[in-house]
Amino acid sequence: MFPREYSAYFTDQLETIDVGTTLYEVWAKATPGAHPISIGHLELASRFTKSMYGDSKLMFQHTTFDQDIERAPRDVAAEWLGECPRYDECRTCPAEYDCFEGAGASQE
């Protein structure tokens, strides 16, 4: 979508994306051993606009596998831990491994 070499500020580049462009495909697993399923996509409904609100107030945060385990009901956490054969690796980057089929590149 964008050149590898610097050509403009990223905020200026974002303003060039057409309405209707799919920015992300969103995949999820119900448990570490489940196959990934598509749960949606993020599609641009209007042009990007620079704003102070977006720069200072709007934040998105991913959680780690450890945080998921802490927040899950005890029986769910036990099931998830039992399905993850390489828990130490999953803790650092669950997207790098497909625990159902063994180590390898994540689904893209």
PDB file of N, CA and C in Angstrom:
ATOM      1  N   MET A   1       0.817  -1.187   0.000  1.00  0.00           N
ATOM      2  CA  MET A   1       0.000   0.000   0.000  1.00  0.00           C
ATOM      3  C   MET A   1       0.867   1.260   0.000  1.00  0.00           C
ATOM      4  N   PHE A   2       1.969   1.220   0.751  1.00  0.00           N
ATOM      5  CA  PHE A   2       2.859   2.375   0.811  1.00  0.00           C
ATOM      6  C   PHE A   2       4.254   1.959   0.368  1.00  0.00           C
ATOM      7  N   PRO A   3       5.039   2.887  -0.145  1.00  0.00           N
ATOM      8  CA  PRO A   3       6.405   2.545  -0.564  1.00  0.00           C
ATOM      9  C   PRO A   3       7.278   2.200   0.637  1.00  0.00           C
ATOM     10  N   ARG A   4       8.283   1.369   0.409  1.00  0.00           N
ATOM     11  CA  ARG A   4       9.209   1.010   1.484  1.00  0.00           C
ATOM     12  C   ARG A   4      10.105   2.186   1.866  1.00  0.00           C
ATOM     13  N   GLU A   5      10.420   2.992   0.899  1.00  0.00           N
ATOM     14  CA  GLU A   5      11.268   4.159   1.142  1.00  0.00           C
ATOM     15  C   GLU A   5      10.401   5.334   1.580  1.00  0.00           C
ATOM     16  N   TYR A   6      10.960   6.164   2.439  1.00  0.00           N
ATOM     17  CA  TYR A   6      10.227   7.333   2.927  1.00  0.00           C
ATOM     18  C   TYR A   6       9.827   8.233   1.771  1.00  0.00           C
ATOM     19  N   SER A   7       8.558   8.618   1.743  1.00  0.00           N
ATOM     20  CA  SER A   7       8.097   9.545   0.714  1.00  0.00           C
ATOM     21  C   SER A   7       7.265  10.681   1.307  1.00  0.00           C
ATOM     22  N   ALA A   8       6.721  10.471   2.501  1.00  0.00           N
ATOM     23  CA  ALA A   8       5.917  11.496   3.166  1.00  0.00           C
ATOM     24  C   ALA A   8       5.632  11.028   4.591  1.00  0.00           C
ATOM     25  N   TYR A   9       5.173  11.946   5.426  1.00  0.00           N
ATOM     26  CA  TYR A   9       4.750  11.568   6.770  1.00  0.00           C
ATOM     27  C   TYR A   9       3.660  10.507   6.656  1.00  0.00           C
ATOM     28  N   PHE A  10       3.651   9.555   7.587  1.00  0.00           N
ATOM     29  CA  PHE A  10       2.663   8.482   7.501  1.00  0.00           C
ATOM     30  C   PHE A  10       1.241   9.036   7.578  1.00  0.00           C
ATOM     31  N   THR A  11       1.044  10.128   8.325  1.00  0.00           N
ATOM     32  CA  THR A  11      -0.302  10.696   8.403  1.00  0.00           C
ATOM     33  C   THR A  11      -0.755  11.242   7.050  1.00  0.00           C
ATOM     34  N   ASP A  12       0.176  11.772   6.287  1.00  0.00           N
ATOM     35  CA  ASP A  12      -0.164  12.232   4.936  1.00  0.00           C
ATOM     36  C   ASP A  12      -0.460  11.041   4.025  1.00  0.00           C
ATOM     37  N   GLN A  13       0.287   9.951   4.198  1.00  0.00           N
ATOM     38  CA  GLN A  13       0.040   8.750   3.401  1.00  0.00           C
ATOM     39  C   GLN A  13      -1.329   8.149   3.727  1.00  0.00           C
ATOM     40  N   LEU A  14      -1.689   8.139   5.009  1.00  0.00           N
ATOM     41  CA  LEU A  14      -2.989   7.585   5.395  1.00  0.00           C
ATOM     42  C   LEU A  14      -4.140   8.333   4.730  1.00  0.00           C
ATOM     43  N   GLU A  15      -3.972   9.628   4.544  1.00  0.00           N
ATOM     44  CA  GLU A  15      -5.031  10.430   3.921  1.00  0.00           C
ATOM     45  C   GLU A  15      -5.263  10.070   2.451  1.00  0.00           C
ATOM     46  N   THR A  16      -4.362   9.299   1.857  1.00  0.00           N
ATOM     47  CA  THR A  16      -4.511   8.925   0.443  1.00  0.00           C
ATOM     48  C   THR A  16      -5.276   7.616   0.246  1.00  0.00           C
ATOM     49  N   ILE A  17      -5.598   6.911   1.327  1.00  0.00           N
ATOM     50  CA  ILE A  17      -6.287   5.621   1.209  1.00  0.00           C
ATOM     51  C   ILE A  17      -7.747   5.849   0.829  1.00  0.00           C
ATOM     52  N   ASP A  18      -8.215   5.094  -0.149  1.00  0.00           N
ATOM     53  CA  ASP A  18      -9.586   5.231  -0.640  1.00  0.00           C
ATOM     54  C   ASP A  18     -10.608   4.682   0.350  1.00  0.00           C
ATOM     55  N   VAL A  19     -11.760   5.336   0.427  1.00  0.00           N
ATOM     56  CA  VAL A  19     -12.893   4.837   1.195  1.00  0.00           C
ATOM     57  C   VAL A  19     -13.255   3.456   0.653  1.00  0.00           C
ATOM     58  N   GLY A  20     -13.581   2.532   1.557  1.00  0.00           N
ATOM     59  CA  GLY A  20     -13.932   1.172   1.152  1.00  0.00           C
ATOM     60  C   GLY A  20     -12.762   0.209   1.183  1.00  0.00           C
ATOM     61  N   THR A  21     -11.548   0.718   1.391  1.00  0.00           N
ATOM     62  CA  THR A  21     -10.366  -0.139   1.461  1.00  0.00           C
ATOM     63  C   THR A  21     -10.407  -0.966   2.745  1.00  0.00           C
ATOM     64  N   THR A  22     -10.155  -2.261   2.636  1.00  0.00           N
ATOM     65  CA  THR A  22     -10.037  -3.110   3.816  1.00  0.00           C
ATOM     66  C   THR A  22      -8.634  -2.938   4.376  1.00  0.00           C
ATOM     67  N   LEU A  23      -8.562  -2.463   5.613  1.00  0.00           N
ATOM     68  CA  LEU A  23      -7.275  -2.215   6.252  1.00  0.00           C
ATOM     69  C   LEU A  23      -6.742  -3.453   6.957  1.00  0.00           C
ATOM     70  N   TYR A  24      -7.627  -4.222   7.587  1.00  0.00           N
ATOM     71  CA  TYR A  24      -7.230  -5.412   8.328  1.00  0.00           C
ATOM     72  C   TYR A  24      -8.283  -6.495   8.174  1.00  0.00           C
ATOM     73  N   GLU A  25      -7.823  -7.724   8.094  1.00  0.00           N
ATOM     74  CA  GLU A  25      -8.682  -8.889   8.258  1.00  0.00           C
ATOM     75  C   GLU A  25      -8.497  -9.300   9.714  1.00  0.00           C
ATOM     76  N   VAL A  26      -9.565  -9.581  10.417  1.00  0.00           N
ATOM     77  CA  VAL A  26      -9.483  -9.920  11.838  1.00  0.00           C
ATOM     78  C   VAL A  26      -9.790 -11.403  12.006  1.00  0.00           C
ATOM     79  N   TRP A  27      -8.828 -12.132  12.589  1.00  0.00           N
ATOM     80  CA  TRP A  27      -8.954 -13.568  12.831  1.00  0.00           C
ATOM     81  C   TRP A  27      -8.853 -13.819  14.322  1.00  0.00           C
ATOM     82  N   ALA A  28      -9.527 -14.852  14.804  1.00  0.00           N
ATOM     83  CA  ALA A  28      -9.482 -15.182  16.229  1.00  0.00           C
ATOM     84  C   ALA A  28      -9.567 -16.689  16.411  1.00  0.00           C
ATOM     85  N   LYS A  29      -9.122 -17.113  17.586  1.00  0.00           N
ATOM     86  CA  LYS A  29      -9.248 -18.506  18.004  1.00  0.00           C
ATOM     87  C   LYS A  29     -10.024 -18.513  19.313  1.00  0.00           C
ATOM     88  N   ALA A  30     -10.990 -19.400  19.441  1.00  0.00           N
ATOM     89  CA  ALA A  30     -11.742 -19.515  20.683  1.00  0.00           C
ATOM     90  C   ALA A  30     -10.860 -20.062  21.797  1.00  0.00           C
ATOM     91  N   THR A  31      -9.934 -20.932  21.435  1.00  0.00           N
ATOM     92  CA  THR A  31      -8.958 -21.493  22.369  1.00  0.00           C
ATOM     93  C   THR A  31      -7.641 -21.608  21.615  1.00  0.00           C
ATOM     94  N   PRO A  32      -6.523 -21.781  22.335  1.00  0.00           N
ATOM     95  CA  PRO A  32      -5.238 -21.893  21.633  1.00  0.00           C
ATOM     96  C   PRO A  32      -5.192 -23.029  20.616  1.00  0.00           C
ATOM     97  N   GLY A  33      -5.924 -24.110  20.855  1.00  0.00           N
ATOM     98  CA  GLY A  33      -5.887 -25.247  19.948  1.00  0.00           C
ATOM     99  C   GLY A  33      -6.892 -25.188  18.808  1.00  0.00           C
ATOM    100  N   ALA A  34      -7.742 -24.188  18.815  1.00  0.00           N
ATOM    101  CA  ALA A  34      -8.768 -24.075  17.772  1.00  0.00           C
ATOM    102  C   ALA A  34      -8.171 -23.540  16.480  1.00  0.00           C
ATOM    103  N   HIS A  35      -8.834 -23.845  15.377  1.00  0.00           N
ATOM    104  CA  HIS A  35      -8.435 -23.262  14.097  1.00  0.00           C
ATOM    105  C   HIS A  35      -8.861 -21.801  14.083  1.00  0.00           C
ATOM    106  N   PRO A  36      -8.051 -20.930  13.487  1.00  0.00           N
ATOM    107  CA  PRO A  36      -8.459 -19.527  13.405  1.00  0.00           C
ATOM    108  C   PRO A  36      -9.686 -19.369  12.506  1.00  0.00           C
ATOM    109  N   ILE A  37     -10.568 -18.461  12.916  1.00  0.00           N
ATOM    110  CA  ILE A  37     -11.740 -18.147  12.100  1.00  0.00           C
ATOM    111  C   ILE A  37     -11.775 -16.646  11.845  1.00  0.00           C
ATOM    112  N   SER A  38     -12.299 -16.281  10.711  1.00  0.00           N
ATOM    113  CA  SER A  38     -12.444 -14.869  10.381  1.00  0.00           C
ATOM    114  C   SER A  38     -13.616 -14.310  11.179  1.00  0.00           C
ATOM    115  N   ILE A  39     -13.372 -13.237  11.930  1.00  0.00           N
ATOM    116  CA  ILE A  39     -14.454 -12.618  12.698  1.00  0.00           C
ATOM    117  C   ILE A  39     -14.801 -11.232  12.159  1.00  0.00           C
ATOM    118  N   GLY A  40     -14.144 -10.839  11.089  1.00  0.00           N
ATOM    119  CA  GLY A  40     -14.503  -9.561  10.490  1.00  0.00           C
ATOM    120  C   GLY A  40     -13.334  -8.893   9.804  1.00  0.00           C
ATOM    121  N   HIS A  41     -13.556  -7.646   9.484  1.00  0.00           N
ATOM    122  CA  HIS A  41     -12.506  -6.853   8.862  1.00  0.00           C
ATOM    123  C   HIS A  41     -12.713  -5.389   9.232  1.00  0.00           C
ATOM    124  N   LEU A  42     -11.664  -4.624   9.101  1.00  0.00           N
ATOM    125  CA  LEU A  42     -11.722  -3.189   9.351  1.00  0.00           C
ATOM    126  C   LEU A  42     -11.666  -2.503   7.999  1.00  0.00           C
ATOM    127  N   GLU A  43     -12.765  -1.861   7.643  1.00  0.00           N
ATOM    128  CA  GLU A  43     -12.892  -1.220   6.337  1.00  0.00           C
ATOM    129  C   GLU A  43     -13.051   0.284   6.522  1.00  0.00           C
ATOM    130  N   LEU A  44     -12.356   1.029   5.714  1.00  0.00           N
ATOM    131  CA  LEU A  44     -12.400   2.485   5.807  1.00  0.00           C
ATOM    132  C   LEU A  44     -13.753   3.000   5.308  1.00  0.00           C
ATOM    133  N   ALA A  45     -14.522   3.628   6.205  1.00  0.00           N
ATOM    134  CA  ALA A  45     -15.850   4.149   5.863  1.00  0.00           C
ATOM    135  C   ALA A  45     -15.790   5.612   5.426  1.00  0.00           C
ATOM    136  N   SER A  46     -14.713   6.292   5.777  1.00  0.00           N
ATOM    137  CA  SER A  46     -14.524   7.685   5.360  1.00  0.00           C
ATOM    138  C   SER A  46     -13.024   7.941   5.278  1.00  0.00           C
ATOM    139  N   ARG A  47     -12.648   9.069   4.748  1.00  0.00           N
ATOM    140  CA  ARG A  47     -11.234   9.408   4.626  1.00  0.00           C
ATOM    141  C   ARG A  47     -10.624   9.594   6.014  1.00  0.00           C
ATOM    142  N   PHE A  48      -9.337   9.254   6.130  1.00  0.00           N
ATOM    143  CA  PHE A  48      -8.615   9.544   7.358  1.00  0.00           C
ATOM    144  C   PHE A  48      -8.565  11.053   7.560  1.00  0.00           C
ATOM    145  N   THR A  49      -8.647  11.467   8.820  1.00  0.00           N
ATOM    146  CA  THR A  49      -8.561  12.878   9.169  1.00  0.00           C
ATOM    147  C   THR A  49      -7.626  13.017  10.357  1.00  0.00           C
ATOM    148  N   LYS A  50      -6.707  13.941  10.289  1.00  0.00           N
ATOM    149  CA  LYS A  50      -5.820  14.215  11.419  1.00  0.00           C
ATOM    150  C   LYS A  50      -6.618  14.937  12.500  1.00  0.00           C
ATOM    151  N   SER A  51      -6.364  14.575  13.766  1.00  0.00           N
ATOM    152  CA  SER A  51      -7.058  15.255  14.866  1.00  0.00           C
ATOM    153  C   SER A  51      -6.256  15.130  16.148  1.00  0.00           C
ATOM    154  N   MET A  52      -6.410  16.088  17.023  1.00  0.00           N
ATOM    155  CA  MET A  52      -5.764  16.023  18.334  1.00  0.00           C
ATOM    156  C   MET A  52      -6.364  14.884  19.161  1.00  0.00           C
ATOM    157  N   TYR A  53      -7.670  14.642  19.021  1.00  0.00           N
ATOM    158  CA  TYR A  53      -8.301  13.553  19.752  1.00  0.00           C
ATOM    159  C   TYR A  53      -7.642  12.227  19.387  1.00  0.00           C
ATOM    160  N   GLY A  54      -7.475  11.987  18.105  1.00  0.00           N
ATOM    161  CA  GLY A  54      -6.840  10.749  17.663  1.00  0.00           C
ATOM    162  C   GLY A  54      -5.403  10.634  18.132  1.00  0.00           C
ATOM    163  N   ASP A  55      -4.710  11.760  18.180  1.00  0.00           N
ATOM    164  CA  ASP A  55      -3.308  11.757  18.599  1.00  0.00           C
ATOM    165  C   ASP A  55      -3.136  11.620  20.101  1.00  0.00           C
ATOM    166  N   SER A  56      -4.102  12.083  20.888  1.00  0.00           N
ATOM    167  CA  SER A  56      -3.886  12.133  22.334  1.00  0.00           C
ATOM    168  C   SER A  56      -4.855  11.295  23.165  1.00  0.00           C
ATOM    169  N   LYS A  57      -5.992  10.895  22.615  1.00  0.00           N
ATOM    170  CA  LYS A  57      -7.002  10.197  23.421  1.00  0.00           C
ATOM    171  C   LYS A  57      -7.349   8.792  22.934  1.00  0.00           C
ATOM    172  N   LEU A  58      -7.270   8.560  21.649  1.00  0.00           N
ATOM    173  CA  LEU A  58      -7.699   7.283  21.081  1.00  0.00           C
ATOM    174  C   LEU A  58      -6.571   6.263  21.175  1.00  0.00           C
ATOM    175  N   MET A  59      -6.786   5.190  21.922  1.00  0.00           N
ATOM    176  CA  MET A  59      -5.749   4.177  22.112  1.00  0.00           C
ATOM    177  C   MET A  59      -6.353   2.781  21.961  1.00  0.00           C
ATOM    178  N   PHE A  60      -5.590   1.884  21.379  1.00  0.00           N
ATOM    179  CA  PHE A  60      -5.954   0.476  21.273  1.00  0.00           C
ATOM    180  C   PHE A  60      -4.863  -0.311  21.968  1.00  0.00           C
ATOM    181  N   GLN A  61      -5.238  -1.375  22.650  1.00  0.00           N
ATOM    182  CA  GLN A  61      -4.248  -2.160  23.370  1.00  0.00           C
ATOM    183  C   GLN A  61      -4.538  -3.644  23.195  1.00  0.00           C
ATOM    184  N   HIS A  62      -3.505  -4.384  22.843  1.00  0.00           N
ATOM    185  CA  HIS A  62      -3.602  -5.838  22.782  1.00  0.00           C
ATOM    186  C   HIS A  62      -3.277  -6.376  24.165  1.00  0.00           C
ATOM    187  N   THR A  63      -3.799  -7.540  24.486  1.00  0.00           N
ATOM    188  CA  THR A  63      -3.434  -8.189  25.738  1.00  0.00           C
ATOM    189  C   THR A  63      -2.529  -9.371  25.429  1.00  0.00           C
ATOM    190  N   THR A  64      -1.732  -9.740  26.406  1.00  0.00           N
ATOM    191  CA  THR A  64      -0.849 -10.892  26.255  1.00  0.00           C
ATOM    192  C   THR A  64      -1.601 -12.163  26.638  1.00  0.00           C
ATOM    193  N   PHE A  65      -1.031 -13.293  26.291  1.00  0.00           N
ATOM    194  CA  PHE A  65      -1.622 -14.575  26.654  1.00  0.00           C
ATOM    195  C   PHE A  65      -1.750 -14.676  28.172  1.00  0.00           C
ATOM    196  N   ASP A  66      -0.731 -14.207  28.908  1.00  0.00           N
ATOM    197  CA  ASP A  66      -0.788 -14.230  30.375  1.00  0.00           C
ATOM    198  C   ASP A  66      -1.991 -13.445  30.892  1.00  0.00           C
ATOM    199  N   GLN A  67      -2.253 -12.284  30.300  1.00  0.00           N
ATOM    200  CA  GLN A  67      -3.396 -11.479  30.730  1.00  0.00           C
ATOM    201  C   GLN A  67      -4.713 -12.183  30.410  1.00  0.00           C
ATOM    202  N   ASP A  68      -4.778 -12.851  29.265  1.00  0.00           N
ATOM    203  CA  ASP A  68      -5.978 -13.624  28.933  1.00  0.00           C
ATOM    204  C   ASP A  68      -6.207 -14.722  29.971  1.00  0.00           C
ATOM    205  N   ILE A  69      -5.140 -15.407  30.352  1.00  0.00           N
ATOM    206  CA  ILE A  69      -5.234 -16.486  31.343  1.00  0.00           C
ATOM    207  C   ILE A  69      -5.705 -15.929  32.684  1.00  0.00           C
ATOM    208  N   GLU A  70      -5.146 -14.783  33.099  1.00  0.00           N
ATOM    209  CA  GLU A  70      -5.539 -14.170  34.375  1.00  0.00           C
ATOM    210  C   GLU A  70      -7.021 -13.800  34.392  1.00  0.00           C
ATOM    211  N   ARG A  71      -7.554 -13.360  33.278  1.00  0.00           N
ATOM    212  CA  ARG A  71      -8.937 -12.870  33.211  1.00  0.00           C
ATOM    213  C   ARG A  71      -9.955 -13.970  32.926  1.00  0.00           C
ATOM    214  N   ALA A  72      -9.495 -15.094  32.441  1.00  0.00           N
ATOM    215  CA  ALA A  72     -10.415 -16.172  32.066  1.00  0.00           C
ATOM    216  C   ALA A  72     -10.911 -16.908  33.309  1.00  0.00           C
ATOM    217  N   PRO A  73     -12.120 -17.457  33.247  1.00  0.00           N
ATOM    218  CA  PRO A  73     -12.566 -18.331  34.334  1.00  0.00           C
ATOM    219  C   PRO A  73     -11.574 -19.488  34.498  1.00  0.00           C
ATOM    220  N   ARG A  74     -11.465 -20.001  35.704  1.00  0.00           N
ATOM    221  CA  ARG A  74     -10.458 -21.018  36.028  1.00  0.00           C
ATOM    222  C   ARG A  74     -10.526 -22.224  35.093  1.00  0.00           C
ATOM    223  N   ASP A  75     -11.727 -22.717  34.792  1.00  0.00           N
ATOM    224  CA  ASP A  75     -11.836 -23.900  33.929  1.00  0.00           C
ATOM    225  C   ASP A  75     -11.395 -23.590  32.502  1.00  0.00           C
ATOM    226  N   VAL A  76     -11.687 -22.392  32.019  1.00  0.00           N
ATOM    227  CA  VAL A  76     -11.262 -21.996  30.675  1.00  0.00           C
ATOM    228  C   VAL A  76      -9.741 -21.852  30.630  1.00  0.00           C
ATOM    229  N   ALA A  77      -9.163 -21.229  31.653  1.00  0.00           N
ATOM    230  CA  ALA A  77      -7.706 -21.066  31.706  1.00  0.00           C
ATOM    231  C   ALA A  77      -7.019 -22.429  31.705  1.00  0.00           C
ATOM    232  N   ALA A  78      -7.541 -23.373  32.471  1.00  0.00           N
ATOM    233  CA  ALA A  78      -6.948 -24.717  32.515  1.00  0.00           C
ATOM    234  C   ALA A  78      -7.029 -25.387  31.145  1.00  0.00           C
ATOM    235  N   GLU A  79      -8.158 -25.221  30.456  1.00  0.00           N
ATOM    236  CA  GLU A  79      -8.308 -25.799  29.115  1.00  0.00           C
ATOM    237  C   GLU A  79      -7.299 -25.174  28.155  1.00  0.00           C
ATOM    238  N   TRP A  80      -7.179 -23.856  28.179  1.00  0.00           N
ATOM    239  CA  TRP A  80      -6.252 -23.169  27.278  1.00  0.00           C
ATOM    240  C   TRP A  80      -4.817 -23.600  27.533  1.00  0.00           C
ATOM    241  N   LEU A  81      -4.428 -23.659  28.803  1.00  0.00           N
ATOM    242  CA  LEU A  81      -3.056 -24.057  29.128  1.00  0.00           C
ATOM    243  C   LEU A  81      -2.796 -25.497  28.710  1.00  0.00           C
ATOM    244  N   GLY A  82      -3.793 -26.357  28.822  1.00  0.00           N
ATOM    245  CA  GLY A  82      -3.646 -27.748  28.409  1.00  0.00           C
ATOM    246  C   GLY A  82      -3.503 -27.907  26.903  1.00  0.00           C
ATOM    247  N   GLU A  83      -4.036 -26.947  26.136  1.00  0.00           N
ATOM    248  CA  GLU A  83      -3.971 -27.021  24.677  1.00  0.00           C
ATOM    249  C   GLU A  83      -2.720 -26.387  24.097  1.00  0.00           C
ATOM    250  N   CYS A  84      -1.978 -25.670  24.878  1.00  0.00           N
ATOM    251  CA  CYS A  84      -0.808 -24.958  24.359  1.00  0.00           C
ATOM    252  C   CYS A  84       0.456 -25.732  24.730  1.00  0.00           C
ATOM    253  N   PRO A  85       1.001 -26.513  23.803  1.00  0.00           N
ATOM    254  CA  PRO A  85       2.147 -27.367  24.121  1.00  0.00           C
ATOM    255  C   PRO A  85       3.431 -26.597  24.405  1.00  0.00           C
ATOM    256  N   ARG A  86       3.519 -25.369  23.972  1.00  0.00           N
ATOM    257  CA  ARG A  86       4.729 -24.572  24.186  1.00  0.00           C
ATOM    258  C   ARG A  86       4.348 -23.277  24.893  1.00  0.00           C
ATOM    259  N   TYR A  87       3.828 -23.392  26.102  1.00  0.00           N
ATOM    260  CA  TYR A  87       3.292 -22.233  26.815  1.00  0.00           C
ATOM    261  C   TYR A  87       4.299 -21.095  26.898  1.00  0.00           C
ATOM    262  N   ASP A  88       5.570 -21.398  27.166  1.00  0.00           N
ATOM    263  CA  ASP A  88       6.564 -20.324  27.274  1.00  0.00           C
ATOM    264  C   ASP A  88       6.693 -19.550  25.968  1.00  0.00           C
ATOM    265  N   GLU A  89       6.579 -20.226  24.834  1.00  0.00           N
ATOM    266  CA  GLU A  89       6.639 -19.536  23.547  1.00  0.00           C
ATOM    267  C   GLU A  89       5.344 -18.772  23.290  1.00  0.00           C
ATOM    268  N   CYS A  90       4.209 -19.374  23.628  1.00  0.00           N
ATOM    269  CA  CYS A  90       2.924 -18.702  23.412  1.00  0.00           C
ATOM    270  C   CYS A  90       2.821 -17.431  24.250  1.00  0.00           C
ATOM    271  N   ARG A  91       3.428 -17.430  25.414  1.00  0.00           N
ATOM    272  CA  ARG A  91       3.358 -16.254  26.282  1.00  0.00           C
ATOM    273  C   ARG A  91       3.995 -15.047  25.627  1.00  0.00           C
ATOM    274  N   THR A  92       5.055 -15.264  24.856  1.00  0.00           N
ATOM    275  CA  THR A  92       5.745 -14.117  24.278  1.00  0.00           C
ATOM    276  C   THR A  92       5.129 -13.665  22.972  1.00  0.00           C
ATOM    277  N   CYS A  93       4.633 -14.568  22.159  1.00  0.00           N
ATOM    278  CA  CYS A  93       4.062 -14.150  20.873  1.00  0.00           C
ATOM    279  C   CYS A  93       3.156 -15.235  20.306  1.00  0.00           C
ATOM    280  N   PRO A  94       1.905 -15.300  20.764  1.00  0.00           N
ATOM    281  CA  PRO A  94       1.032 -16.367  20.290  1.00  0.00           C
ATOM    282  C   PRO A  94       0.771 -16.315  18.793  1.00  0.00           C
ATOM    283  N   ALA A  95       0.952 -15.181  18.157  1.00  0.00           N
ATOM    284  CA  ALA A  95       0.679 -15.078  16.724  1.00  0.00           C
ATOM    285  C   ALA A  95       1.736 -15.778  15.874  1.00  0.00           C
ATOM    286  N   GLU A  96       2.909 -16.052  16.434  1.00  0.00           N
ATOM    287  CA  GLU A  96       3.973 -16.683  15.654  1.00  0.00           C
ATOM    288  C   GLU A  96       3.770 -18.180  15.492  1.00  0.00           C
ATOM    289  N   TYR A  97       2.953 -18.778  16.331  1.00  0.00           N
ATOM    290  CA  TYR A  97       2.811 -20.223  16.322  1.00  0.00           C
ATOM    291  C   TYR A  97       1.363 -20.622  16.137  1.00  0.00           C
ATOM    292  N   ASP A  98       1.157 -21.705  15.435  1.00  0.00           N
ATOM    293  CA  ASP A  98      -0.165 -22.297  15.352  1.00  0.00           C
ATOM    294  C   ASP A  98      -0.114 -23.521  16.252  1.00  0.00           C
ATOM    295  N   CYS A  99      -0.552 -23.384  17.478  1.00  0.00           N
ATOM    296  CA  CYS A  99      -0.419 -24.451  18.469  1.00  0.00           C
ATOM    297  C   CYS A  99      -1.169 -25.717  18.070  1.00  0.00           C
ATOM    298  N   PHE A 100      -2.113 -25.605  17.149  1.00  0.00           N
ATOM    299  CA  PHE A 100      -2.852 -26.786  16.714  1.00  0.00           C
ATOM    300  C   PHE A 100      -2.003 -27.676  15.824  1.00  0.00           C
ATOM    301  N   GLU A 101      -1.182 -27.063  14.981  1.00  0.00           N
ATOM    302  CA  GLU A 101      -0.402 -27.843  14.025  1.00  0.00           C
ATOM    303  C   GLU A 101       1.104 -27.791  14.284  1.00  0.00           C
ATOM    304  N   GLY A 102       1.527 -27.160  15.355  1.00  0.00           N
ATOM    305  CA  GLY A 102       2.947 -27.074  15.648  1.00  0.00           C
ATOM    306  C   GLY A 102       3.514 -25.735  15.230  1.00  0.00           C
ATOM    307  N   ALA A 103       4.790 -25.543  15.516  1.00  0.00           N
ATOM    308  CA  ALA A 103       5.429 -24.261  15.228  1.00  0.00           C
ATOM    309  C   ALA A 103       5.381 -23.960  13.744  1.00  0.00           C
ATOM    310  N   GLY A 104       5.232 -22.696  13.453  1.00  0.00           N
ATOM    311  CA  GLY A 104       5.196 -22.271  12.058  1.00  0.00           C
ATOM    312  C   GLY A 104       4.657 -20.873  11.947  1.00  0.00           C
ATOM    313  N   ALA A 105       4.593 -20.384  10.755  1.00  0.00           N
ATOM    314  CA  ALA A 105       4.103 -19.031  10.530  1.00  0.00           C
ATOM    315  C   ALA A 105       2.620 -18.953  10.860  1.00  0.00           C
ATOM    316  N   SER A 106       2.208 -17.820  11.340  1.00  0.00           N
ATOM    317  CA  SER A 106       0.802 -17.612  11.664  1.00  0.00           C
ATOM    318  C   SER A 106      -0.033 -17.514  10.394  1.00  0.00           C
ATOM    319  N   GLN A 107      -1.343 -17.654  10.559  1.00  0.00           N
ATOM    320  CA  GLN A 107      -2.267 -17.495   9.438  1.00  0.00           C
ATOM    321  C   GLN A 107      -2.256 -16.046   8.996  1.00  0.00           C
ATOM    322  N   GLU A 108      -2.253 -15.782   7.721  1.00  0.00           N
ATOM    323  CA  GLU A 108      -2.296 -14.402   7.235  1.00  0.00           C
ATOM    324  C   GLU A 108      -3.464 -14.227   6.321  1.00  0.00           C
TER     325      GLU A 108
END
